[in-house]
N, C-alpha and C. Protein backbone atom coordinates (compact mmCIF):
# COMPACT_ATOMS: atom_id res chain seq x y z
N MET A 1 0.84 -1.19 0.00
CA MET A 1 0.00 0.00 0.00
C MET A 1 0.88 1.25 0.00
N ARG A 2 0.65 2.14 -0.93
CA ARG A 2 1.41 3.38 -1.05
C ARG A 2 0.53 4.55 -0.61
N TYR A 3 1.16 5.63 -0.19
CA TYR A 3 0.42 6.81 0.23
C TYR A 3 1.10 8.04 -0.35
N LYS A 4 0.30 8.95 -0.89
CA LYS A 4 0.78 10.26 -1.31
C LYS A 4 -0.40 11.21 -1.27
N HIS A 5 -0.23 12.28 -0.53
CA HIS A 5 -1.29 13.27 -0.42
C HIS A 5 -0.66 14.66 -0.33
N THR A 6 -1.23 15.60 -1.07
CA THR A 6 -0.75 16.98 -1.05
C THR A 6 -1.86 17.88 -0.54
N GLN A 7 -1.55 18.60 0.52
CA GLN A 7 -2.47 19.58 1.09
C GLN A 7 -2.12 20.95 0.53
N LYS A 8 -3.12 21.71 0.17
CA LYS A 8 -2.91 23.08 -0.30
C LYS A 8 -3.19 24.04 0.84
N GLY A 9 -2.26 24.95 1.06
CA GLY A 9 -2.40 25.92 2.13
C GLY A 9 -2.96 27.24 1.65
N LYS A 10 -3.14 28.15 2.58
CA LYS A 10 -3.64 29.48 2.26
C LYS A 10 -2.74 30.57 2.84
N LEU A 11 -1.78 30.17 3.65
CA LEU A 11 -0.88 31.11 4.30
C LEU A 11 -0.06 31.90 3.29
N HIS A 12 0.24 31.29 2.15
CA HIS A 12 1.05 31.98 1.15
C HIS A 12 0.39 33.26 0.64
N PHE A 13 -0.94 33.33 0.64
CA PHE A 13 -1.62 34.55 0.21
C PHE A 13 -1.24 35.72 1.13
N ILE A 14 -1.19 35.47 2.41
CA ILE A 14 -0.81 36.50 3.39
C ILE A 14 0.64 36.92 3.16
N LEU A 15 1.50 35.93 2.91
CA LEU A 15 2.92 36.21 2.70
C LEU A 15 3.15 36.98 1.39
N TYR A 16 2.40 36.67 0.35
CA TYR A 16 2.52 37.42 -0.90
C TYR A 16 2.02 38.85 -0.75
N PHE A 17 0.96 39.03 0.03
CA PHE A 17 0.46 40.37 0.30
C PHE A 17 1.53 41.18 1.05
N ALA A 18 2.17 40.53 2.03
CA ALA A 18 3.25 41.20 2.78
C ALA A 18 4.41 41.54 1.84
N THR A 19 4.73 40.63 0.92
CA THR A 19 5.80 40.88 -0.05
C THR A 19 5.49 42.11 -0.89
N LEU A 20 4.27 42.15 -1.45
CA LEU A 20 3.88 43.31 -2.27
C LEU A 20 3.85 44.61 -1.47
N SER A 21 3.37 44.51 -0.24
CA SER A 21 3.33 45.70 0.62
C SER A 21 4.73 46.22 0.90
N LEU A 22 5.64 45.31 1.22
CA LEU A 22 7.02 45.72 1.51
C LEU A 22 7.71 46.27 0.27
N LEU A 23 7.47 45.66 -0.89
CA LEU A 23 8.07 46.18 -2.12
C LEU A 23 7.54 47.58 -2.43
N THR A 24 6.24 47.78 -2.26
CA THR A 24 5.66 49.10 -2.49
C THR A 24 6.25 50.11 -1.52
N PHE A 25 6.35 49.75 -0.26
CA PHE A 25 6.93 50.63 0.75
C PHE A 25 8.39 50.92 0.42
N GLY A 26 9.13 49.89 -0.02
CA GLY A 26 10.54 50.06 -0.38
C GLY A 26 10.73 51.04 -1.52
N VAL A 27 9.84 50.99 -2.50
CA VAL A 27 9.93 51.93 -3.63
C VAL A 27 9.63 53.35 -3.15
N LEU A 28 8.66 53.48 -2.24
CA LEU A 28 8.28 54.81 -1.76
C LEU A 28 9.37 55.46 -0.91
N ILE A 29 10.18 54.66 -0.22
CA ILE A 29 11.23 55.23 0.64
C ILE A 29 12.62 55.02 0.02
N SER A 30 12.67 54.88 -1.28
CA SER A 30 13.92 54.50 -1.95
C SER A 30 15.05 55.52 -1.79
N HIS A 31 14.83 56.64 -1.18
CA HIS A 31 15.89 57.63 -1.00
C HIS A 31 16.87 57.23 0.12
N GLY A 32 16.47 56.38 1.03
CA GLY A 32 17.38 55.92 2.10
C GLY A 32 17.88 54.51 1.81
N ARG A 33 19.18 54.37 1.54
CA ARG A 33 19.71 53.08 1.10
C ARG A 33 19.55 51.97 2.14
N PHE A 34 19.93 52.23 3.39
CA PHE A 34 19.87 51.18 4.42
C PHE A 34 18.43 50.73 4.66
N GLY A 35 17.55 51.69 4.84
CA GLY A 35 16.15 51.35 5.09
C GLY A 35 15.53 50.61 3.93
N THR A 36 15.83 51.05 2.73
CA THR A 36 15.29 50.39 1.54
C THR A 36 15.81 48.96 1.45
N GLY A 37 17.09 48.77 1.70
CA GLY A 37 17.68 47.43 1.66
C GLY A 37 17.02 46.50 2.67
N MET A 38 16.77 47.00 3.86
CA MET A 38 16.13 46.18 4.89
C MET A 38 14.70 45.81 4.48
N VAL A 39 13.99 46.75 3.90
CA VAL A 39 12.62 46.49 3.46
C VAL A 39 12.61 45.45 2.35
N PHE A 40 13.54 45.59 1.38
CA PHE A 40 13.60 44.61 0.29
C PHE A 40 14.03 43.23 0.80
N CYS A 41 14.91 43.18 1.79
CA CYS A 41 15.27 41.88 2.39
C CYS A 41 14.06 41.24 3.06
N GLY A 42 13.25 42.06 3.75
CA GLY A 42 12.02 41.55 4.36
C GLY A 42 11.07 41.01 3.31
N ALA A 43 10.97 41.71 2.17
CA ALA A 43 10.12 41.26 1.08
C ALA A 43 10.62 39.93 0.53
N LEU A 44 11.92 39.79 0.41
CA LEU A 44 12.50 38.54 -0.10
C LEU A 44 12.22 37.37 0.85
N VAL A 45 12.34 37.62 2.14
CA VAL A 45 12.04 36.58 3.13
C VAL A 45 10.58 36.16 3.03
N CYS A 46 9.67 37.12 2.94
CA CYS A 46 8.24 36.80 2.81
C CYS A 46 7.98 36.02 1.53
N LEU A 47 8.64 36.39 0.43
CA LEU A 47 8.47 35.68 -0.83
C LEU A 47 8.94 34.22 -0.72
N ILE A 48 10.11 34.02 -0.11
CA ILE A 48 10.65 32.66 0.04
C ILE A 48 9.72 31.80 0.89
N PHE A 49 9.26 32.34 2.02
CA PHE A 49 8.35 31.57 2.86
C PHE A 49 7.01 31.35 2.17
N GLY A 50 6.57 32.31 1.37
CA GLY A 50 5.34 32.13 0.60
C GLY A 50 5.46 31.00 -0.40
N LEU A 51 6.59 30.96 -1.09
CA LEU A 51 6.82 29.89 -2.07
C LEU A 51 6.98 28.52 -1.42
N SER A 52 7.33 28.49 -0.15
CA SER A 52 7.49 27.19 0.52
C SER A 52 6.23 26.76 1.27
N SER A 53 5.17 27.56 1.22
CA SER A 53 3.97 27.21 1.98
C SER A 53 2.72 27.03 1.12
N HIS A 54 2.89 26.85 -0.18
CA HIS A 54 1.73 26.55 -1.04
C HIS A 54 1.16 25.18 -0.72
N THR A 55 2.05 24.20 -0.63
CA THR A 55 1.62 22.80 -0.46
C THR A 55 2.47 22.10 0.59
N LEU A 56 1.90 21.05 1.13
CA LEU A 56 2.62 20.13 2.02
C LEU A 56 2.29 18.72 1.53
N THR A 57 3.31 18.06 1.01
CA THR A 57 3.13 16.72 0.47
C THR A 57 3.69 15.70 1.44
N VAL A 58 2.88 14.70 1.75
CA VAL A 58 3.29 13.58 2.60
C VAL A 58 3.21 12.34 1.73
N LYS A 59 4.34 11.62 1.63
CA LYS A 59 4.33 10.45 0.75
C LYS A 59 5.20 9.33 1.29
N ASP A 60 4.78 8.14 0.91
CA ASP A 60 5.50 6.92 1.25
C ASP A 60 6.66 6.75 0.28
N GLU A 61 7.84 6.54 0.82
CA GLU A 61 9.03 6.31 0.01
C GLU A 61 9.64 4.95 0.34
N GLY A 62 8.80 3.94 0.48
CA GLY A 62 9.30 2.59 0.77
C GLY A 62 9.53 2.36 2.25
N ASN A 63 10.71 2.70 2.74
CA ASN A 63 11.03 2.48 4.15
C ASN A 63 10.92 3.75 4.99
N LEU A 64 10.44 4.84 4.38
CA LEU A 64 10.32 6.08 5.14
C LEU A 64 9.15 6.90 4.65
N LEU A 65 8.71 7.81 5.52
CA LEU A 65 7.66 8.77 5.21
C LEU A 65 8.36 10.09 4.94
N GLN A 66 8.05 10.71 3.81
CA GLN A 66 8.68 11.97 3.45
C GLN A 66 7.66 13.08 3.50
N ILE A 67 8.03 14.19 4.14
CA ILE A 67 7.18 15.38 4.25
C ILE A 67 7.93 16.52 3.57
N VAL A 68 7.31 17.14 2.55
CA VAL A 68 7.98 18.18 1.77
C VAL A 68 7.03 19.34 1.54
N SER A 69 7.52 20.55 1.80
CA SER A 69 6.74 21.74 1.48
C SER A 69 7.04 22.13 0.04
N GLY A 70 6.18 22.97 -0.54
CA GLY A 70 6.45 23.33 -1.92
C GLY A 70 5.68 24.54 -2.35
N PRO A 71 5.94 25.01 -3.55
CA PRO A 71 6.79 24.43 -4.58
C PRO A 71 8.28 24.60 -4.32
N LEU A 72 8.67 25.55 -3.49
CA LEU A 72 10.07 25.69 -3.09
C LEU A 72 10.26 24.79 -1.87
N PRO A 73 10.98 23.68 -2.00
CA PRO A 73 11.06 22.70 -0.90
C PRO A 73 12.00 23.15 0.22
N LEU A 74 11.63 24.23 0.89
CA LEU A 74 12.44 24.77 1.97
C LEU A 74 12.43 23.83 3.18
N PHE A 75 11.29 23.21 3.44
CA PHE A 75 11.15 22.29 4.56
C PHE A 75 11.00 20.87 4.02
N LYS A 76 11.86 19.98 4.50
CA LYS A 76 11.77 18.58 4.10
C LYS A 76 12.17 17.73 5.30
N LYS A 77 11.37 16.70 5.55
CA LYS A 77 11.65 15.81 6.68
C LYS A 77 11.40 14.38 6.24
N ASP A 78 12.36 13.52 6.49
CA ASP A 78 12.22 12.09 6.25
C ASP A 78 12.13 11.38 7.60
N VAL A 79 11.14 10.51 7.75
CA VAL A 79 10.96 9.76 8.99
C VAL A 79 10.97 8.27 8.65
N GLN A 80 11.95 7.56 9.18
CA GLN A 80 12.03 6.11 8.97
C GLN A 80 10.86 5.44 9.71
N TYR A 81 10.16 4.54 9.03
CA TYR A 81 9.05 3.84 9.68
C TYR A 81 9.54 3.07 10.90
N SER A 82 10.75 2.53 10.83
CA SER A 82 11.28 1.73 11.94
C SER A 82 11.50 2.57 13.20
N GLU A 83 11.59 3.89 13.06
CA GLU A 83 11.82 4.78 14.20
C GLU A 83 10.53 5.28 14.84
N ILE A 84 9.38 5.07 14.16
CA ILE A 84 8.10 5.55 14.68
C ILE A 84 7.61 4.59 15.75
N LYS A 85 7.43 5.11 16.96
CA LYS A 85 6.98 4.29 18.10
C LYS A 85 5.47 4.32 18.27
N ASP A 86 4.84 5.46 17.92
CA ASP A 86 3.40 5.60 18.11
C ASP A 86 2.87 6.65 17.14
N VAL A 87 1.60 6.53 16.81
CA VAL A 87 0.94 7.48 15.92
C VAL A 87 -0.48 7.71 16.44
N GLU A 88 -0.94 8.97 16.38
CA GLU A 88 -2.31 9.27 16.80
C GLU A 88 -2.84 10.48 16.04
N LYS A 89 -4.18 10.50 15.86
CA LYS A 89 -4.83 11.67 15.28
C LYS A 89 -4.99 12.70 16.38
N THR A 90 -4.70 13.95 16.05
CA THR A 90 -4.83 15.02 17.02
C THR A 90 -5.15 16.32 16.28
N ARG A 91 -5.24 17.39 17.03
CA ARG A 91 -5.46 18.71 16.44
C ARG A 91 -4.50 19.70 17.07
N SER A 92 -4.03 20.63 16.26
CA SER A 92 -3.23 21.72 16.79
C SER A 92 -4.18 22.85 17.18
N THR A 93 -3.64 23.88 17.77
CA THR A 93 -4.46 25.03 18.16
C THR A 93 -3.95 26.27 17.44
N ILE A 94 -4.70 27.34 17.53
CA ILE A 94 -4.27 28.60 16.93
C ILE A 94 -2.96 29.07 17.56
N ILE A 95 -2.74 28.74 18.80
CA ILE A 95 -1.50 29.10 19.49
C ILE A 95 -0.32 28.34 18.89
N ASP A 96 -0.55 27.10 18.46
CA ASP A 96 0.52 26.33 17.82
C ASP A 96 0.96 26.98 16.51
N GLY A 97 0.05 27.63 15.83
CA GLY A 97 0.38 28.34 14.60
C GLY A 97 0.64 27.42 13.42
N TRP A 98 1.14 28.03 12.34
CA TRP A 98 1.45 27.30 11.12
C TRP A 98 2.91 27.48 10.78
N GLY A 99 3.42 26.58 9.97
CA GLY A 99 4.81 26.62 9.57
C GLY A 99 5.57 25.45 10.16
N LEU A 100 6.87 25.58 10.23
CA LEU A 100 7.74 24.57 10.83
C LEU A 100 8.36 25.19 12.06
N HIS A 101 8.06 24.63 13.21
CA HIS A 101 8.63 25.17 14.44
C HIS A 101 8.51 24.16 15.58
N TYR A 102 9.18 24.48 16.67
CA TYR A 102 9.19 23.61 17.84
C TYR A 102 8.32 24.22 18.92
N GLY A 103 7.45 23.41 19.50
CA GLY A 103 6.62 23.85 20.62
C GLY A 103 7.07 23.14 21.88
N ILE A 104 7.39 23.88 22.91
CA ILE A 104 7.87 23.28 24.16
C ILE A 104 6.82 22.32 24.70
N GLY A 105 7.23 21.08 24.93
CA GLY A 105 6.34 20.05 25.44
C GLY A 105 5.49 19.38 24.37
N LYS A 106 5.44 19.98 23.18
CA LYS A 106 4.62 19.42 22.10
C LYS A 106 5.46 18.89 20.95
N GLY A 107 6.73 19.26 20.89
CA GLY A 107 7.61 18.78 19.84
C GLY A 107 7.49 19.61 18.57
N TRP A 108 8.07 19.09 17.50
CA TRP A 108 8.07 19.76 16.21
C TRP A 108 6.71 19.66 15.52
N ILE A 109 6.38 20.69 14.75
CA ILE A 109 5.16 20.67 13.94
C ILE A 109 5.47 21.25 12.56
N ILE A 110 4.96 20.57 11.55
CA ILE A 110 4.95 21.11 10.18
C ILE A 110 3.48 21.17 9.80
N ASN A 111 2.98 22.39 9.57
CA ASN A 111 1.57 22.57 9.26
C ASN A 111 1.42 23.83 8.43
N ILE A 112 0.79 23.71 7.26
CA ILE A 112 0.64 24.90 6.42
C ILE A 112 -0.75 25.52 6.49
N TRP A 113 -1.73 24.75 6.99
CA TRP A 113 -3.08 25.31 7.11
C TRP A 113 -3.96 24.33 7.86
N GLY A 114 -4.91 24.83 8.60
CA GLY A 114 -5.86 23.98 9.32
C GLY A 114 -5.29 23.50 10.64
N PHE A 115 -6.06 22.63 11.29
CA PHE A 115 -5.68 22.19 12.64
C PHE A 115 -5.57 20.68 12.79
N ASP A 116 -6.03 19.90 11.79
CA ASP A 116 -5.90 18.45 11.88
C ASP A 116 -4.44 18.05 11.74
N CYS A 117 -4.01 17.16 12.61
CA CYS A 117 -2.61 16.72 12.63
C CYS A 117 -2.53 15.22 12.92
N ILE A 118 -1.41 14.67 12.54
CA ILE A 118 -1.03 13.33 12.95
C ILE A 118 0.20 13.49 13.83
N ALA A 119 0.11 13.00 15.06
CA ALA A 119 1.22 13.09 15.99
C ALA A 119 2.01 11.78 15.94
N LEU A 120 3.30 11.92 15.77
CA LEU A 120 4.19 10.76 15.75
C LEU A 120 5.13 10.83 16.93
N LYS A 121 5.41 9.69 17.50
CA LYS A 121 6.48 9.60 18.48
C LYS A 121 7.62 8.90 17.76
N VAL A 122 8.68 9.64 17.52
CA VAL A 122 9.84 9.13 16.78
C VAL A 122 10.99 9.05 17.78
N GLY A 123 11.30 7.83 18.20
CA GLY A 123 12.27 7.66 19.29
C GLY A 123 11.67 8.27 20.54
N GLU A 124 12.38 9.22 21.11
CA GLU A 124 11.88 9.93 22.30
C GLU A 124 11.31 11.30 21.95
N LYS A 125 11.30 11.63 20.66
CA LYS A 125 10.85 12.94 20.23
C LYS A 125 9.41 12.89 19.71
N LYS A 126 8.72 14.02 19.84
CA LYS A 126 7.37 14.17 19.32
C LYS A 126 7.43 14.98 18.03
N PHE A 127 6.52 14.67 17.13
CA PHE A 127 6.50 15.31 15.84
C PHE A 127 5.07 15.33 15.32
N ARG A 128 4.58 16.48 14.86
CA ARG A 128 3.22 16.57 14.33
C ARG A 128 3.24 17.02 12.88
N ILE A 129 2.41 16.36 12.09
CA ILE A 129 2.29 16.68 10.67
C ILE A 129 0.88 17.19 10.43
N GLY A 130 0.75 18.42 9.95
CA GLY A 130 -0.56 18.95 9.59
C GLY A 130 -1.05 18.30 8.31
N THR A 131 -2.35 18.04 8.25
CA THR A 131 -2.90 17.39 7.06
C THR A 131 -4.39 17.69 6.94
N ASP A 132 -4.88 17.67 5.71
CA ASP A 132 -6.32 17.75 5.50
C ASP A 132 -6.87 16.36 5.18
N ASP A 133 -6.05 15.32 5.39
CA ASP A 133 -6.44 13.92 5.23
C ASP A 133 -6.02 13.13 6.48
N PRO A 134 -6.51 13.54 7.67
CA PRO A 134 -6.04 12.89 8.89
C PRO A 134 -6.39 11.40 8.96
N THR A 135 -7.57 11.02 8.51
CA THR A 135 -7.97 9.62 8.57
C THR A 135 -7.13 8.76 7.64
N GLY A 136 -6.94 9.21 6.40
CA GLY A 136 -6.15 8.45 5.44
C GLY A 136 -4.71 8.27 5.87
N LEU A 137 -4.07 9.34 6.35
CA LEU A 137 -2.69 9.26 6.80
C LEU A 137 -2.57 8.40 8.05
N PHE A 138 -3.50 8.55 8.98
CA PHE A 138 -3.48 7.76 10.20
C PHE A 138 -3.60 6.27 9.89
N GLU A 139 -4.57 5.91 9.06
CA GLU A 139 -4.77 4.50 8.71
C GLU A 139 -3.55 3.93 7.99
N PHE A 140 -2.98 4.71 7.08
CA PHE A 140 -1.79 4.24 6.37
C PHE A 140 -0.64 3.98 7.35
N LEU A 141 -0.41 4.93 8.26
CA LEU A 141 0.70 4.77 9.20
C LEU A 141 0.47 3.61 10.16
N LYS A 142 -0.76 3.45 10.64
CA LYS A 142 -1.07 2.33 11.54
C LYS A 142 -0.79 1.00 10.85
N LYS A 143 -1.22 0.84 9.60
CA LYS A 143 -0.96 -0.40 8.85
C LYS A 143 0.52 -0.59 8.62
N ASN A 144 1.23 0.47 8.32
CA ASN A 144 2.66 0.37 8.07
C ASN A 144 3.43 0.03 9.33
N LEU A 145 2.99 0.54 10.47
CA LEU A 145 3.67 0.22 11.73
C LEU A 145 3.47 -1.24 12.10
N LYS A 146 2.29 -1.78 11.79
CA LYS A 146 2.04 -3.20 12.06
C LYS A 146 2.95 -4.06 11.22
N LYS A 147 3.18 -3.66 9.95
CA LYS A 147 4.08 -4.42 9.06
C LYS A 147 5.51 -4.37 9.59
N GLU A 148 5.94 -3.20 10.09
CA GLU A 148 7.30 -3.03 10.60
C GLU A 148 7.54 -3.86 11.85
N SER A 149 6.51 -4.02 12.69
CA SER A 149 6.70 -4.72 13.96
C SER A 149 6.69 -6.25 13.78
N THR A 150 6.20 -6.75 12.64
CA THR A 150 6.17 -8.21 12.42
C THR A 150 7.42 -8.72 11.75
């Protein structure tokens, strides 16, 4: 059984708006070199993060689960099935936010939109994957973990 699912996010719209706003502001204040440079750097950062938050693809790669953001694959995580100790369906909160970051006591999270997540225990570490297909991903991982343990 193979698995591949791509979730489409909406956060990139906010980041593109910020990019355009910063570029417009940078053009308006173009008389100051340092300030303009900082504004354009901010616009570039927003653009890069926008390009990396269109999609989040989770796919089976044989002996590992691969999580990749896109279309600019800034965030990529490979998880060996043999290292996964437990899997559960859960939800993140607005406080957890979106993106790739570490939450104290909650572990790492990769989430581009929404609140449905799959929580993995990988070794002693916690890891959450945001998805708009929580049931499909959960069932796939549960079946795969049973195969690994036999």
